[in-house]
PDB file of N, CA and C in Angstrom:
ATOM      1  N   MET A   1      -6.003 -34.314 -19.231  1.00  0.00           N
ATOM      2  CA  MET A   1      -4.796 -33.723 -18.704  1.00  0.00           C
ATOM      3  C   MET A   1      -5.215 -32.737 -17.616  1.00  0.00           C
ATOM      4  N   SER A   2      -4.567 -32.817 -16.473  1.00  0.00           N
ATOM      5  CA  SER A   2      -4.896 -31.890 -15.392  1.00  0.00           C
ATOM      6  C   SER A   2      -4.290 -30.519 -15.682  1.00  0.00           C
ATOM      7  N   ALA A   3      -4.801 -29.486 -15.033  1.00  0.00           N
ATOM      8  CA  ALA A   3      -4.262 -28.138 -15.195  1.00  0.00           C
ATOM      9  C   ALA A   3      -2.790 -28.113 -14.796  1.00  0.00           C
ATOM     10  N   ARG A   4      -2.445 -28.870 -13.776  1.00  0.00           N
ATOM     11  CA  ARG A   4      -1.039 -28.932 -13.340  1.00  0.00           C
ATOM     12  C   ARG A   4      -0.163 -29.541 -14.439  1.00  0.00           C
ATOM     13  N   GLU A   5      -0.614 -30.663 -15.023  1.00  0.00           N
ATOM     14  CA  GLU A   5       0.137 -31.292 -16.118  1.00  0.00           C
ATOM     15  C   GLU A   5       0.250 -30.334 -17.308  1.00  0.00           C
ATOM     16  N   PHE A   6      -0.839 -29.634 -17.598  1.00  0.00           N
ATOM     17  CA  PHE A   6      -0.823 -28.674 -18.698  1.00  0.00           C
ATOM     18  C   PHE A   6       0.223 -27.590 -18.450  1.00  0.00           C
ATOM     19  N   ASN A   7       0.231 -27.025 -17.253  1.00  0.00           N
ATOM     20  CA  ASN A   7       1.189 -25.969 -16.927  1.00  0.00           C
ATOM     21  C   ASN A   7       2.632 -26.463 -16.999  1.00  0.00           C
ATOM     22  N   GLN A   8       2.852 -27.720 -16.682  1.00  0.00           N
ATOM     23  CA  GLN A   8       4.201 -28.274 -16.704  1.00  0.00           C
ATOM     24  C   GLN A   8       4.664 -28.632 -18.110  1.00  0.00           C
ATOM     25  N   SER A   9       3.721 -28.842 -19.026  1.00  0.00           N
ATOM     26  CA  SER A   9       4.108 -29.275 -20.362  1.00  0.00           C
ATOM     27  C   SER A   9       3.156 -28.727 -21.426  1.00  0.00           C
ATOM     28  N   VAL A  10       3.183 -27.423 -21.601  1.00  0.00           N
ATOM     29  CA  VAL A  10       2.337 -26.788 -22.612  1.00  0.00           C
ATOM     30  C   VAL A  10       2.686 -27.305 -24.007  1.00  0.00           C
ATOM     31  N   ALA A  11       3.975 -27.477 -24.283  1.00  0.00           N
ATOM     32  CA  ALA A  11       4.400 -27.950 -25.604  1.00  0.00           C
ATOM     33  C   ALA A  11       3.803 -29.323 -25.912  1.00  0.00           C
ATOM     34  N   ARG A  12       3.787 -30.208 -24.926  1.00  0.00           N
ATOM     35  CA  ARG A  12       3.198 -31.542 -25.129  1.00  0.00           C
ATOM     36  C   ARG A  12       1.709 -31.415 -25.435  1.00  0.00           C
ATOM     37  N   ALA A  13       1.018 -30.560 -24.693  1.00  0.00           N
ATOM     38  CA  ALA A  13      -0.411 -30.358 -24.921  1.00  0.00           C
ATOM     39  C   ALA A  13      -0.657 -29.823 -26.329  1.00  0.00           C
ATOM     40  N   GLN A  14       0.202 -28.924 -26.787  1.00  0.00           N
ATOM     41  CA  GLN A  14       0.058 -28.385 -28.135  1.00  0.00           C
ATOM     42  C   GLN A  14       0.243 -29.475 -29.182  1.00  0.00           C
ATOM     43  N   ARG A  15       1.227 -30.335 -28.979  1.00  0.00           N
ATOM     44  CA  ARG A  15       1.459 -31.433 -29.936  1.00  0.00           C
ATOM     45  C   ARG A  15       0.242 -32.352 -30.006  1.00  0.00           C
ATOM     46  N   VAL A  16      -0.311 -32.683 -28.866  1.00  0.00           N
ATOM     47  CA  VAL A  16      -1.491 -33.551 -28.842  1.00  0.00           C
ATOM     48  C   VAL A  16      -2.668 -32.839 -29.507  1.00  0.00           C
ATOM     49  N   ALA A  17      -2.819 -31.541 -29.236  1.00  0.00           N
ATOM     50  CA  ALA A  17      -3.941 -30.778 -29.790  1.00  0.00           C
ATOM     51  C   ALA A  17      -3.873 -30.653 -31.305  1.00  0.00           C
ATOM     52  N   ASP A  18      -2.686 -30.856 -31.887  1.00  0.00           N
ATOM     53  CA  ASP A  18      -2.588 -30.860 -33.348  1.00  0.00           C
ATOM     54  C   ASP A  18      -3.410 -31.994 -33.948  1.00  0.00           C
ATOM     55  N   GLY A  19      -3.594 -33.069 -33.196  1.00  0.00           N
ATOM     56  CA  GLY A  19      -4.322 -34.220 -33.708  1.00  0.00           C
ATOM     57  C   GLY A  19      -5.701 -34.421 -33.121  1.00  0.00           C
ATOM     58  N   GLU A  20      -5.913 -33.907 -31.907  1.00  0.00           N
ATOM     59  CA  GLU A  20      -7.204 -34.088 -31.246  1.00  0.00           C
ATOM     60  C   GLU A  20      -7.341 -33.060 -30.126  1.00  0.00           C
ATOM     61  N   PRO A  21      -8.571 -32.706 -29.765  1.00  0.00           N
ATOM     62  CA  PRO A  21      -8.760 -31.757 -28.663  1.00  0.00           C
ATOM     63  C   PRO A  21      -8.194 -32.314 -27.356  1.00  0.00           C
ATOM     64  N   VAL A  22      -7.665 -31.429 -26.536  1.00  0.00           N
ATOM     65  CA  VAL A  22      -7.109 -31.804 -25.239  1.00  0.00           C
ATOM     66  C   VAL A  22      -8.040 -31.254 -24.159  1.00  0.00           C
ATOM     67  N   LEU A  23      -8.595 -32.128 -23.348  1.00  0.00           N
ATOM     68  CA  LEU A  23      -9.454 -31.731 -22.242  1.00  0.00           C
ATOM     69  C   LEU A  23      -8.572 -31.465 -21.027  1.00  0.00           C
ATOM     70  N   ILE A  24      -8.704 -30.274 -20.458  1.00  0.00           N
ATOM     71  CA  ILE A  24      -7.916 -29.898 -19.286  1.00  0.00           C
ATOM     72  C   ILE A  24      -8.857 -29.817 -18.099  1.00  0.00           C
ATOM     73  N   THR A  25      -8.480 -30.495 -17.032  1.00  0.00           N
ATOM     74  CA  THR A  25      -9.345 -30.553 -15.855  1.00  0.00           C
ATOM     75  C   THR A  25      -8.792 -29.689 -14.724  1.00  0.00           C
ATOM     76  N   LYS A  26      -9.705 -29.258 -13.875  1.00  0.00           N
ATOM     77  CA  LYS A  26      -9.364 -28.548 -12.644  1.00  0.00           C
ATOM     78  C   LYS A  26     -10.053 -29.279 -11.509  1.00  0.00           C
ATOM     79  N   ARG A  27      -9.264 -29.723 -10.561  1.00  0.00           N
ATOM     80  CA  ARG A  27      -9.816 -30.491  -9.434  1.00  0.00           C
ATOM     81  C   ARG A  27     -10.645 -31.679  -9.908  1.00  0.00           C
ATOM     82  N   GLY A  28     -10.183 -32.307 -10.995  1.00  0.00           N
ATOM     83  CA  GLY A  28     -10.857 -33.495 -11.505  1.00  0.00           C
ATOM     84  C   GLY A  28     -12.064 -33.231 -12.376  1.00  0.00           C
ATOM     85  N   GLU A  29     -12.450 -31.974 -12.563  1.00  0.00           N
ATOM     86  CA  GLU A  29     -13.622 -31.636 -13.375  1.00  0.00           C
ATOM     87  C   GLU A  29     -13.179 -30.987 -14.686  1.00  0.00           C
ATOM     88  N   PRO A  30     -13.832 -31.302 -15.802  1.00  0.00           N
ATOM     89  CA  PRO A  30     -13.485 -30.653 -17.066  1.00  0.00           C
ATOM     90  C   PRO A  30     -13.586 -29.133 -16.937  1.00  0.00           C
ATOM     91  N   ALA A  31     -12.550 -28.413 -17.398  1.00  0.00           N
ATOM     92  CA  ALA A  31     -12.537 -26.965 -17.261  1.00  0.00           C
ATOM     93  C   ALA A  31     -12.246 -26.246 -18.579  1.00  0.00           C
ATOM     94  N   TYR A  32     -11.383 -26.819 -19.418  1.00  0.00           N
ATOM     95  CA  TYR A  32     -10.973 -26.171 -20.651  1.00  0.00           C
ATOM     96  C   TYR A  32     -10.764 -27.213 -21.739  1.00  0.00           C
ATOM     97  N   VAL A  33     -10.764 -26.739 -22.981  1.00  0.00           N
ATOM     98  CA  VAL A  33     -10.424 -27.587 -24.113  1.00  0.00           C
ATOM     99  C   VAL A  33      -9.422 -26.823 -24.967  1.00  0.00           C
ATOM    100  N   LEU A  34      -8.303 -27.459 -25.266  1.00  0.00           N
ATOM    101  CA  LEU A  34      -7.293 -26.894 -26.154  1.00  0.00           C
ATOM    102  C   LEU A  34      -7.411 -27.619 -27.481  1.00  0.00           C
ATOM    103  N   LEU A  35      -7.546 -26.851 -28.574  1.00  0.00           N
ATOM    104  CA  LEU A  35      -7.624 -27.472 -29.872  1.00  0.00           C
ATOM    105  C   LEU A  35      -6.895 -26.633 -30.900  1.00  0.00           C
ATOM    106  N   SER A  36      -6.539 -27.266 -32.001  1.00  0.00           N
ATOM    107  CA  SER A  36      -5.823 -26.573 -33.060  1.00  0.00           C
ATOM    108  C   SER A  36      -6.730 -25.518 -33.680  1.00  0.00           C
ATOM    109  N   ILE A  37      -6.113 -24.526 -34.310  1.00  0.00           N
ATOM    110  CA  ILE A  37      -6.902 -23.487 -34.964  1.00  0.00           C
ATOM    111  C   ILE A  37      -7.723 -24.077 -36.102  1.00  0.00           C
ATOM    112  N   ALA A  38      -7.199 -25.097 -36.768  1.00  0.00           N
ATOM    113  CA  ALA A  38      -7.953 -25.742 -37.847  1.00  0.00           C
ATOM    114  C   ALA A  38      -9.234 -26.375 -37.303  1.00  0.00           C
ATOM    115  N   GLU A  39      -9.130 -27.046 -36.170  1.00  0.00           N
ATOM    116  CA  GLU A  39     -10.317 -27.656 -35.563  1.00  0.00           C
ATOM    117  C   GLU A  39     -11.273 -26.576 -35.064  1.00  0.00           C
ATOM    118  N   TYR A  40     -10.735 -25.515 -34.471  1.00  0.00           N
ATOM    119  CA  TYR A  40     -11.569 -24.401 -33.998  1.00  0.00           C
ATOM    120  C   TYR A  40     -12.353 -23.793 -35.156  1.00  0.00           C
ATOM    121  N   GLU A  41     -11.663 -23.535 -36.281  1.00  0.00           N
ATOM    122  CA  GLU A  41     -12.336 -22.945 -37.438  1.00  0.00           C
ATOM    123  C   GLU A  41     -13.367 -23.895 -38.037  1.00  0.00           C
ATOM    124  N   ARG A  42     -13.124 -25.193 -37.911  1.00  0.00           N
ATOM    125  CA  ARG A  42     -14.094 -26.175 -38.420  1.00  0.00           C
ATOM    126  C   ARG A  42     -15.379 -26.143 -37.617  1.00  0.00           C
ATOM    127  N   ILE A  43     -15.261 -26.037 -36.296  1.00  0.00           N
ATOM    128  CA  ILE A  43     -16.467 -26.093 -35.467  1.00  0.00           C
ATOM    129  C   ILE A  43     -17.079 -24.729 -35.187  1.00  0.00           C
ATOM    130  N   VAL A  44     -16.290 -23.650 -35.335  1.00  0.00           N
ATOM    131  CA  VAL A  44     -16.802 -22.295 -35.112  1.00  0.00           C
ATOM    132  C   VAL A  44     -16.443 -21.472 -36.346  1.00  0.00           C
ATOM    133  N   PRO A  45     -17.270 -21.536 -37.374  1.00  0.00           N
ATOM    134  CA  PRO A  45     -16.941 -20.804 -38.597  1.00  0.00           C
ATOM    135  C   PRO A  45     -16.843 -19.308 -38.313  1.00  0.00           C
ATOM    136  N   ALA A  46     -15.847 -18.678 -38.915  1.00  0.00           N
ATOM    137  CA  ALA A  46     -15.656 -17.241 -38.726  1.00  0.00           C
ATOM    138  C   ALA A  46     -16.802 -16.490 -39.389  1.00  0.00           C
ATOM    139  N   ARG A  47     -17.328 -15.529 -38.664  1.00  0.00           N
ATOM    140  CA  ARG A  47     -18.346 -14.671 -39.254  1.00  0.00           C
ATOM    141  C   ARG A  47     -17.638 -13.422 -39.757  1.00  0.00           C
ATOM    142  N   PRO A  48     -18.169 -12.795 -40.768  1.00  0.00           N
ATOM    143  CA  PRO A  48     -17.499 -11.600 -41.293  1.00  0.00           C
ATOM    144  C   PRO A  48     -17.273 -10.580 -40.181  1.00  0.00           C
ATOM    145  N   GLY A  49     -16.069 -10.090 -40.091  1.00  0.00           N
ATOM    146  CA  GLY A  49     -15.758  -9.093 -39.076  1.00  0.00           C
ATOM    147  C   GLY A  49     -15.460  -9.681 -37.716  1.00  0.00           C
ATOM    148  N   SER A  50     -15.235 -10.995 -37.637  1.00  0.00           N
ATOM    149  CA  SER A  50     -14.946 -11.586 -36.333  1.00  0.00           C
ATOM    150  C   SER A  50     -13.557 -11.164 -35.870  1.00  0.00           C
ATOM    151  N   MET A  51     -13.332 -11.206 -34.575  1.00  0.00           N
ATOM    152  CA  MET A  51     -12.043 -10.823 -34.010  1.00  0.00           C
ATOM    153  C   MET A  51     -10.932 -11.698 -34.583  1.00  0.00           C
ATOM    154  N   LEU A  52     -11.205 -12.978 -34.800  1.00  0.00           N
ATOM    155  CA  LEU A  52     -10.198 -13.882 -35.352  1.00  0.00           C
ATOM    156  C   LEU A  52      -9.773 -13.424 -36.742  1.00  0.00           C
ATOM    157  N   GLU A  53     -10.723 -13.038 -37.583  1.00  0.00           N
ATOM    158  CA  GLU A  53     -10.387 -12.534 -38.907  1.00  0.00           C
ATOM    159  C   GLU A  53      -9.573 -11.253 -38.818  1.00  0.00           C
ATOM    160  N   LEU A  54      -9.961 -10.366 -37.917  1.00  0.00           N
ATOM    161  CA  LEU A  54      -9.235  -9.109 -37.779  1.00  0.00           C
ATOM    162  C   LEU A  54      -7.807  -9.333 -37.307  1.00  0.00           C
ATOM    163  N   LEU A  55      -7.614 -10.275 -36.390  1.00  0.00           N
ATOM    164  CA  LEU A  55      -6.269 -10.560 -35.907  1.00  0.00           C
ATOM    165  C   LEU A  55      -5.395 -11.147 -37.007  1.00  0.00           C
ATOM    166  N   ALA A  56      -6.011 -11.813 -37.955  1.00  0.00           N
ATOM    167  CA  ALA A  56      -5.257 -12.434 -39.044  1.00  0.00           C
ATOM    168  C   ALA A  56      -4.970 -11.468 -40.188  1.00  0.00           C
ATOM    169  N   MET A  57      -5.558 -10.287 -40.161  1.00  0.00           N
ATOM    170  CA  MET A  57      -5.385  -9.324 -41.250  1.00  0.00           C
ATOM    171  C   MET A  57      -3.983  -8.719 -41.242  1.00  0.00           C
ATOM    172  N   HIS A  58      -3.543  -8.313 -42.421  1.00  0.00           N
ATOM    173  CA  HIS A  58      -2.280  -7.598 -42.558  1.00  0.00           C
ATOM    174  C   HIS A  58      -2.515  -6.127 -42.243  1.00  0.00           C
ATOM    175  N   ASP A  59      -1.462  -5.403 -41.920  1.00  0.00           N
ATOM    176  CA  ASP A  59      -1.577  -3.981 -41.600  1.00  0.00           C
ATOM    177  C   ASP A  59      -2.258  -3.196 -42.711  1.00  0.00           C
ATOM    178  N   ASP A  60      -1.950  -3.520 -43.978  1.00  0.00           N
ATOM    179  CA  ASP A  60      -2.573  -2.814 -45.102  1.00  0.00           C
ATOM    180  C   ASP A  60      -4.085  -3.003 -45.093  1.00  0.00           C
ATOM    181  N   ASP A  61      -4.530  -4.223 -44.768  1.00  0.00           N
ATOM    182  CA  ASP A  61      -5.962  -4.511 -44.726  1.00  0.00           C
ATOM    183  C   ASP A  61      -6.638  -3.781 -43.575  1.00  0.00           C
ATOM    184  N   LEU A  62      -5.944  -3.658 -42.444  1.00  0.00           N
ATOM    185  CA  LEU A  62      -6.538  -2.990 -41.286  1.00  0.00           C
ATOM    186  C   LEU A  62      -6.822  -1.522 -41.567  1.00  0.00           C
ATOM    187  N   ALA A  63      -6.017  -0.912 -42.434  1.00  0.00           N
ATOM    188  CA  ALA A  63      -6.241   0.488 -42.766  1.00  0.00           C
ATOM    189  C   ALA A  63      -7.560   0.661 -43.516  1.00  0.00           C
ATOM    190  N   ASN A  64      -8.052  -0.404 -44.147  1.00  0.00           N
ATOM    191  CA  ASN A  64      -9.289  -0.335 -44.932  1.00  0.00           C
ATOM    192  C   ASN A  64     -10.354  -1.266 -44.366  1.00  0.00           C
ATOM    193  N   ASP A  65     -10.473  -1.350 -43.047  1.00  0.00           N
ATOM    194  CA  ASP A  65     -11.401  -2.315 -42.448  1.00  0.00           C
ATOM    195  C   ASP A  65     -12.822  -1.784 -42.291  1.00  0.00           C
ATOM    196  N   ASP A  66     -13.097  -0.598 -42.775  1.00  0.00           N
ATOM    197  CA  ASP A  66     -14.435   0.004 -42.700  1.00  0.00           C
ATOM    198  C   ASP A  66     -14.938   0.131 -41.261  1.00  0.00           C
ATOM    199  N   GLY A  67     -14.030   0.235 -40.303  1.00  0.00           N
ATOM    200  CA  GLY A  67     -14.421   0.416 -38.913  1.00  0.00           C
ATOM    201  C   GLY A  67     -14.829  -0.859 -38.206  1.00  0.00           C
ATOM    202  N   ALA A  68     -14.620  -2.021 -38.824  1.00  0.00           N
ATOM    203  CA  ALA A  68     -15.041  -3.285 -38.209  1.00  0.00           C
ATOM    204  C   ALA A  68     -14.346  -3.501 -36.876  1.00  0.00           C
ATOM    205  N   PHE A  69     -13.052  -3.194 -36.806  1.00  0.00           N
ATOM    206  CA  PHE A  69     -12.316  -3.391 -35.559  1.00  0.00           C
ATOM    207  C   PHE A  69     -12.914  -2.525 -34.447  1.00  0.00           C
ATOM    208  N   ASP A  70     -13.180  -1.268 -34.751  1.00  0.00           N
ATOM    209  CA  ASP A  70     -13.767  -0.371 -33.752  1.00  0.00           C
ATOM    210  C   ASP A  70     -15.140  -0.852 -33.301  1.00  0.00           C
ATOM    211  N   ARG A  71     -15.943  -1.378 -34.236  1.00  0.00           N
ATOM    212  CA  ARG A  71     -17.269  -1.886 -33.857  1.00  0.00           C
ATOM    213  C   ARG A  71     -17.151  -3.068 -32.907  1.00  0.00           C
ATOM    214  N   ILE A  72     -16.198  -3.965 -33.173  1.00  0.00           N
ATOM    215  CA  ILE A  72     -16.017  -5.124 -32.306  1.00  0.00           C
ATOM    216  C   ILE A  72     -15.555  -4.688 -30.924  1.00  0.00           C
ATOM    217  N   ILE A  73     -14.610  -3.758 -30.859  1.00  0.00           N
ATOM    218  CA  ILE A  73     -14.153  -3.252 -29.560  1.00  0.00           C
ATOM    219  C   ILE A  73     -15.313  -2.596 -28.822  1.00  0.00           C
ATOM    220  N   ASP A  74     -16.126  -1.814 -29.516  1.00  0.00           N
ATOM    221  CA  ASP A  74     -17.297  -1.187 -28.881  1.00  0.00           C
ATOM    222  C   ASP A  74     -18.252  -2.231 -28.319  1.00  0.00           C
ATOM    223  N   GLU A  75     -18.449  -3.337 -29.064  1.00  0.00           N
ATOM    224  CA  GLU A  75     -19.315  -4.416 -28.580  1.00  0.00           C
ATOM    225  C   GLU A  75     -18.748  -5.045 -27.312  1.00  0.00           C
ATOM    226  N   ILE A  76     -17.444  -5.261 -27.292  1.00  0.00           N
ATOM    227  CA  ILE A  76     -16.800  -5.860 -26.122  1.00  0.00           C
ATOM    228  C   ILE A  76     -16.965  -4.950 -24.910  1.00  0.00           C
ATOM    229  N   VAL A  77     -16.715  -3.664 -25.096  1.00  0.00           N
ATOM    230  CA  VAL A  77     -16.856  -2.708 -23.985  1.00  0.00           C
ATOM    231  C   VAL A  77     -18.303  -2.682 -23.501  1.00  0.00           C
ATOM    232  N   ALA A  78     -19.255  -2.660 -24.433  1.00  0.00           N
ATOM    233  CA  ALA A  78     -20.672  -2.634 -24.049  1.00  0.00           C
ATOM    234  C   ALA A  78     -21.048  -3.886 -23.266  1.00  0.00           C
ATOM    235  N   ASP A  79     -20.510  -5.041 -23.670  1.00  0.00           N
ATOM    236  CA  ASP A  79     -20.810  -6.288 -22.971  1.00  0.00           C
ATOM    237  C   ASP A  79     -20.225  -6.323 -21.567  1.00  0.00           C
ATOM    238  N   ARG A  80     -19.160  -5.565 -21.346  1.00  0.00           N
ATOM    239  CA  ARG A  80     -18.460  -5.629 -20.067  1.00  0.00           C
ATOM    240  C   ARG A  80     -18.797  -4.485 -19.120  1.00  0.00           C
ATOM    241  N   LYS A  81     -19.796  -3.700 -19.451  1.00  0.00           N
ATOM    242  CA  LYS A  81     -20.177  -2.620 -18.544  1.00  0.00           C
ATOM    243  C   LYS A  81     -20.606  -3.227 -17.210  1.00  0.00           C
ATOM    244  N   ASN A  82     -20.215  -2.561 -16.143  1.00  0.00           N
ATOM    245  CA  ASN A  82     -20.598  -3.092 -14.833  1.00  0.00           C
ATOM    246  C   ASN A  82     -22.018  -2.667 -14.489  1.00  0.00           C
ATOM    247  N   ASP A  83     -22.475  -3.004 -13.313  1.00  0.00           N
ATOM    248  CA  ASP A  83     -23.842  -2.718 -12.882  1.00  0.00           C
ATOM    249  C   ASP A  83     -24.156  -1.233 -12.834  1.00  0.00           C
ATOM    250  N   PHE A  84     -23.137  -0.391 -12.757  1.00  0.00           N
ATOM    251  CA  PHE A  84     -23.360   1.041 -12.665  1.00  0.00           C
ATOM    252  C   PHE A  84     -23.420   1.707 -14.023  1.00  0.00           C
ATOM    253  N   GLY A  85     -23.323   0.922 -15.105  1.00  0.00           N
ATOM    254  CA  GLY A  85     -23.424   1.471 -16.438  1.00  0.00           C
ATOM    255  C   GLY A  85     -22.165   2.139 -16.950  1.00  0.00           C
ATOM    256  N   ARG A  86     -21.049   1.930 -16.247  1.00  0.00           N
ATOM    257  CA  ARG A  86     -19.789   2.514 -16.674  1.00  0.00           C
ATOM    258  C   ARG A  86     -18.934   1.450 -17.318  1.00  0.00           C
ATOM    259  N   PRO A  87     -18.121   1.841 -18.325  1.00  0.00           N
ATOM    260  CA  PRO A  87     -17.214   0.860 -18.900  1.00  0.00           C
ATOM    261  C   PRO A  87     -16.128   0.490 -17.895  1.00  0.00           C
ATOM    262  N   PRO A  88     -15.449  -0.629 -18.091  1.00  0.00           N
ATOM    263  CA  PRO A  88     -14.401  -1.027 -17.167  1.00  0.00           C
ATOM    264  C   PRO A  88     -13.251  -0.018 -17.190  1.00  0.00           C
ATOM    265  N   ILE A  89     -12.492   0.028 -16.124  1.00  0.00           N
ATOM    266  CA  ILE A  89     -11.334   0.910 -16.044  1.00  0.00           C
ATOM    267  C   ILE A  89     -10.281   0.411 -17.011  1.00  0.00           C
ATOM    268  N   GLU A  90      -9.732   1.328 -17.806  1.00  0.00           N
ATOM    269  CA  GLU A  90      -8.694   0.961 -18.747  1.00  0.00           C
ATOM    270  C   GLU A  90      -7.361   1.470 -18.262  1.00  0.00           C
ATOM    271  N   PHE A  91      -6.310   0.651 -18.387  1.00  0.00           N
ATOM    272  CA  PHE A  91      -4.968   1.047 -17.955  1.00  0.00           C
ATOM    273  C   PHE A  91      -4.095   1.278 -19.141  1.00  0.00           C
TER     274      PHE A  91
END
């Protein structure tokens, strides 16, 4: 499916992705893959404290997360530091 087709029919792409991964191309070259969360979890097992697990947590659980969310955010910020050693600008 081309990026243009995907943009015109996201719902169709989602329906197809329920049964199989959808390859999305840009200028005729593979660029993205859309797949169901079940397929994603099958091929990329969640590690303890992963962002996916945190997003799935209930508010009560987040209050007792032992700082896992903060550690993940700190890792993301550290990974995105620019060449000058400063974190990205936050809005």
